[in-house]
C-alpha atoms as a PDB file:
ATOM      1  CA  GLN A   1     -67.809 -90.144 -84.310  1.00  0.00           C
ATOM      2  CA  VAL A   2     -65.624 -87.537 -85.980  1.00  0.00           C
ATOM      3  CA  GLN A   3     -63.171 -88.896 -88.528  1.00  0.00           C
ATOM      4  CA  LEU A   4     -60.261 -87.197 -90.258  1.00  0.00           C
ATOM      5  CA  VAL A   5     -59.082 -88.135 -93.735  1.00  0.00           C
ATOM      6  CA  GLU A   6     -55.615 -86.968 -94.740  1.00  0.00           C
ATOM      7  CA  SER A   7     -54.260 -86.785 -98.274  1.00  0.00           C
ATOM      8  CA  GLY A   8     -51.505 -85.198-100.330  1.00  0.00           C
ATOM      9  CA  GLY A   9     -48.440 -87.009 -99.057  1.00  0.00           C
ATOM     10  CA  GLY A  10     -45.913 -88.676-101.292  1.00  0.00           C
ATOM     11  CA  LEU A  11     -42.368 -88.632-102.619  1.00  0.00           C
ATOM     12  CA  VAL A  12     -40.863 -85.305-103.650  1.00  0.00           C
ATOM     13  CA  GLN A  13     -37.369 -84.114-104.564  1.00  0.00           C
ATOM     14  CA  PRO A  14     -35.474 -81.636-102.387  1.00  0.00           C
ATOM     15  CA  GLY A  15     -36.656 -78.119-103.094  1.00  0.00           C
ATOM     16  CA  GLY A  16     -40.048 -79.344-104.201  1.00  0.00           C
ATOM     17  CA  SER A  17     -43.503 -78.694-102.814  1.00  0.00           C
ATOM     18  CA  LEU A  18     -46.462 -80.651-101.507  1.00  0.00           C
ATOM     19  CA  ARG A  19     -49.894 -79.692-100.258  1.00  0.00           C
ATOM     20  CA  LEU A  20     -51.494 -81.750 -97.519  1.00  0.00           C
ATOM     21  CA  SER A  21     -55.180 -81.680 -96.715  1.00  0.00           C
ATOM     22  CA  CYS A  22     -57.243 -83.014 -93.849  1.00  0.00           C
ATOM     23  CA  ALA A  23     -61.020 -83.165 -94.039  1.00  0.00           C
ATOM     24  CA  ALA A  24     -63.179 -83.764 -90.979  1.00  0.00           C
ATOM     25  CA  SER A  25     -66.478 -85.612 -91.259  1.00  0.00           C
ATOM     26  CA  GLY A  26     -69.257 -86.367 -88.824  1.00  0.00           C
ATOM     27  CA  ILE A  27     -71.377 -84.209 -86.591  1.00  0.00           C
ATOM     28  CA  ILE A  28     -69.249 -81.148 -85.911  1.00  0.00           C
ATOM     29  CA  PHE A  29     -70.481 -78.051 -84.160  1.00  0.00           C
ATOM     30  CA  SER A  30     -67.256 -76.091 -84.049  1.00  0.00           C
ATOM     31  CA  ILE A  31     -63.530 -76.554 -84.616  1.00  0.00           C
ATOM     32  CA  PRO A  32     -61.701 -73.855 -82.668  1.00  0.00           C
ATOM     33  CA  PHE A  33     -58.290 -75.411 -83.253  1.00  0.00           C
ATOM     34  CA  MET A  34     -56.586 -77.242 -86.125  1.00  0.00           C
ATOM     35  CA  GLY A  35     -53.003 -78.272 -86.500  1.00  0.00           C
ATOM     36  CA  TRP A  36     -50.362 -80.390 -88.166  1.00  0.00           C
ATOM     37  CA  TYR A  37     -47.742 -82.463 -86.372  1.00  0.00           C
ATOM     38  CA  ARG A  38     -45.064 -84.795 -87.672  1.00  0.00           C
ATOM     39  CA  GLN A  39     -42.953 -87.661 -86.460  1.00  0.00           C
ATOM     40  CA  ALA A  40     -39.827 -89.105 -88.038  1.00  0.00           C
ATOM     41  CA  PRO A  41     -38.334 -92.488 -87.098  1.00  0.00           C
ATOM     42  CA  GLY A  42     -36.477 -92.228 -83.811  1.00  0.00           C
ATOM     43  CA  LYS A  43     -37.812 -88.728 -83.172  1.00  0.00           C
ATOM     44  CA  GLU A  44     -40.541 -87.327 -80.962  1.00  0.00           C
ATOM     45  CA  ARG A  45     -43.715 -85.976 -82.472  1.00  0.00           C
ATOM     46  CA  GLU A  46     -43.282 -82.251 -83.062  1.00  0.00           C
ATOM     47  CA  LEU A  47     -45.523 -79.335 -83.854  1.00  0.00           C
ATOM     48  CA  VAL A  48     -45.494 -78.160 -87.455  1.00  0.00           C
ATOM     49  CA  ALA A  49     -48.235 -75.542 -87.528  1.00  0.00           C
ATOM     50  CA  THR A  50     -51.501 -74.613 -85.846  1.00  0.00           C
ATOM     51  CA  ILE A  51     -54.377 -72.328 -86.721  1.00  0.00           C
ATOM     52  CA  THR A  52     -57.268 -71.032 -84.636  1.00  0.00           C
ATOM     53  CA  ASN A  53     -60.848 -70.368 -85.666  1.00  0.00           C
ATOM     54  CA  ASN A  54     -59.908 -66.703 -86.088  1.00  0.00           C
ATOM     55  CA  GLY A  55     -57.043 -67.532 -88.432  1.00  0.00           C
ATOM     56  CA  GLU A  56     -54.183 -66.959 -86.016  1.00  0.00           C
ATOM     57  CA  THR A  57     -51.245 -69.196 -86.909  1.00  0.00           C
ATOM     58  CA  ASN A  58     -48.232 -70.635 -85.171  1.00  0.00           C
ATOM     59  CA  TYR A  59     -45.311 -72.468 -86.767  1.00  0.00           C
ATOM     60  CA  GLY A  60     -42.456 -74.593 -85.626  1.00  0.00           C
ATOM     61  CA  ASP A  61     -39.119 -72.848 -85.970  1.00  0.00           C
ATOM     62  CA  SER A  62     -37.841 -75.291 -88.577  1.00  0.00           C
ATOM     63  CA  VAL A  63     -40.698 -74.608 -91.016  1.00  0.00           C
ATOM     64  CA  LYS A  64     -41.226 -70.858 -90.655  1.00  0.00           C
ATOM     65  CA  GLY A  65     -41.112 -69.133 -94.004  1.00  0.00           C
ATOM     66  CA  ARG A  66     -41.521 -72.415 -95.904  1.00  0.00           C
ATOM     67  CA  PHE A  67     -44.845 -73.887 -94.750  1.00  0.00           C
ATOM     68  CA  THR A  68     -48.264 -72.253 -94.690  1.00  0.00           C
ATOM     69  CA  ILE A  69     -51.289 -73.544 -92.807  1.00  0.00           C
ATOM     70  CA  SER A  70     -54.816 -72.547 -93.796  1.00  0.00           C
ATOM     71  CA  ARG A  71     -58.373 -73.704 -93.196  1.00  0.00           C
ATOM     72  CA  ASP A  72     -61.725 -73.743 -94.937  1.00  0.00           C
ATOM     73  CA  ASN A  73     -64.385 -73.661 -92.255  1.00  0.00           C
ATOM     74  CA  ALA A  74     -67.214 -74.363 -94.706  1.00  0.00           C
ATOM     75  CA  LYS A  75     -65.510 -77.632 -95.676  1.00  0.00           C
ATOM     76  CA  ASN A  76     -64.119 -78.478 -92.236  1.00  0.00           C
ATOM     77  CA  THR A  77     -60.742 -78.839 -93.883  1.00  0.00           C
ATOM     78  CA  VAL A  78     -57.230 -77.771 -92.948  1.00  0.00           C
ATOM     79  CA  TYR A  79     -54.356 -77.511 -95.419  1.00  0.00           C
ATOM     80  CA  LEU A  80     -50.594 -77.431 -95.193  1.00  0.00           C
ATOM     81  CA  GLN A  81     -48.662 -75.969 -98.114  1.00  0.00           C
ATOM     82  CA  MET A  82     -45.046 -77.109 -97.922  1.00  0.00           C
ATOM     83  CA  ASN A  83     -42.375 -75.415-100.038  1.00  0.00           C
ATOM     84  CA  SER A  84     -38.590 -75.710-100.271  1.00  0.00           C
ATOM     85  CA  LEU A  85     -38.706 -79.195 -98.821  1.00  0.00           C
ATOM     86  CA  THR A  86     -35.553 -80.842 -97.491  1.00  0.00           C
ATOM     87  CA  SER A  87     -34.729 -84.357 -96.357  1.00  0.00           C
ATOM     88  CA  GLU A  88     -35.243 -83.228 -92.764  1.00  0.00           C
ATOM     89  CA  ASP A  89     -38.926 -82.744 -93.550  1.00  0.00           C
ATOM     90  CA  THR A  90     -39.328 -86.476 -94.163  1.00  0.00           C
ATOM     91  CA  ALA A  91     -41.841 -87.743 -91.620  1.00  0.00           C
ATOM     92  CA  LEU A  92     -45.328 -89.046 -91.021  1.00  0.00           C
ATOM     93  CA  TYR A  93     -47.609 -86.023 -90.855  1.00  0.00           C
ATOM     94  CA  TYR A  94     -50.668 -86.059 -88.612  1.00  0.00           C
ATOM     95  CA  CYS A  95     -53.666 -83.773 -88.706  1.00  0.00           C
ATOM     96  CA  ASN A  96     -55.212 -82.705 -85.407  1.00  0.00           C
ATOM     97  CA  ILE A  97     -58.518 -80.994 -84.730  1.00  0.00           C
ATOM     98  CA  VAL A  98     -60.131 -80.042 -81.453  1.00  0.00           C
ATOM     99  CA  THR A  99     -63.892 -79.813 -81.039  1.00  0.00           C
ATOM    100  CA  ASN A 100     -65.240 -81.045 -77.730  1.00  0.00           C
ATOM    101  CA  MET A 101     -62.195 -83.322 -77.702  1.00  0.00           C
ATOM    102  CA  ALA A 102     -59.056 -83.951 -79.727  1.00  0.00           C
ATOM    103  CA  TYR A 103     -59.046 -86.048 -82.898  1.00  0.00           C
ATOM    104  CA  TRP A 104     -56.096 -87.281 -84.915  1.00  0.00           C
ATOM    105  CA  GLY A 105     -55.791 -88.298 -88.533  1.00  0.00           C
ATOM    106  CA  GLN A 106     -54.261 -91.587 -89.611  1.00  0.00           C
ATOM    107  CA  GLY A 107     -51.089 -89.907 -90.840  1.00  0.00           C
ATOM    108  CA  THR A 108     -49.773 -89.303 -94.337  1.00  0.00           C
ATOM    109  CA  GLN A 109     -46.181 -90.041 -95.322  1.00  0.00           C
ATOM    110  CA  VAL A 110     -43.987 -87.300 -96.756  1.00  0.00           C
ATOM    111  CA  THR A 111     -40.641 -88.425 -98.145  1.00  0.00           C
ATOM    112  CA  VAL A 112     -38.135 -85.925 -99.517  1.00  0.00           C
ATOM    113  CA  SER A 113     -35.406 -87.617-101.527  1.00  0.00           C
ATOM    114  CA  SER A 114     -33.576 -87.299-104.825  1.00  0.00           C
END
């Protein structure tokens, strides 16, 4: 069974930065797709960023220019660097990886407040 462990969430002031990480463990042959999604109370889950095995990235419109997704294939880990955070970024952030099937992390809370 593949498991994802997320870390890096917490409380940050507006304009601050956080770096999320998601490490996959278990028997993994390949991870062609990794991504981050988020969900705020009363809102639908939305795409934040995705990255392919070749390093091609895609970002949600609301985070372009502020967030950066990256991956370390040797460590089976995906990262999300978040800069210039605002209160609208407050949400539960979920890591997603796709091998032979899709796996989701447990979620890590990001709260942006002064």
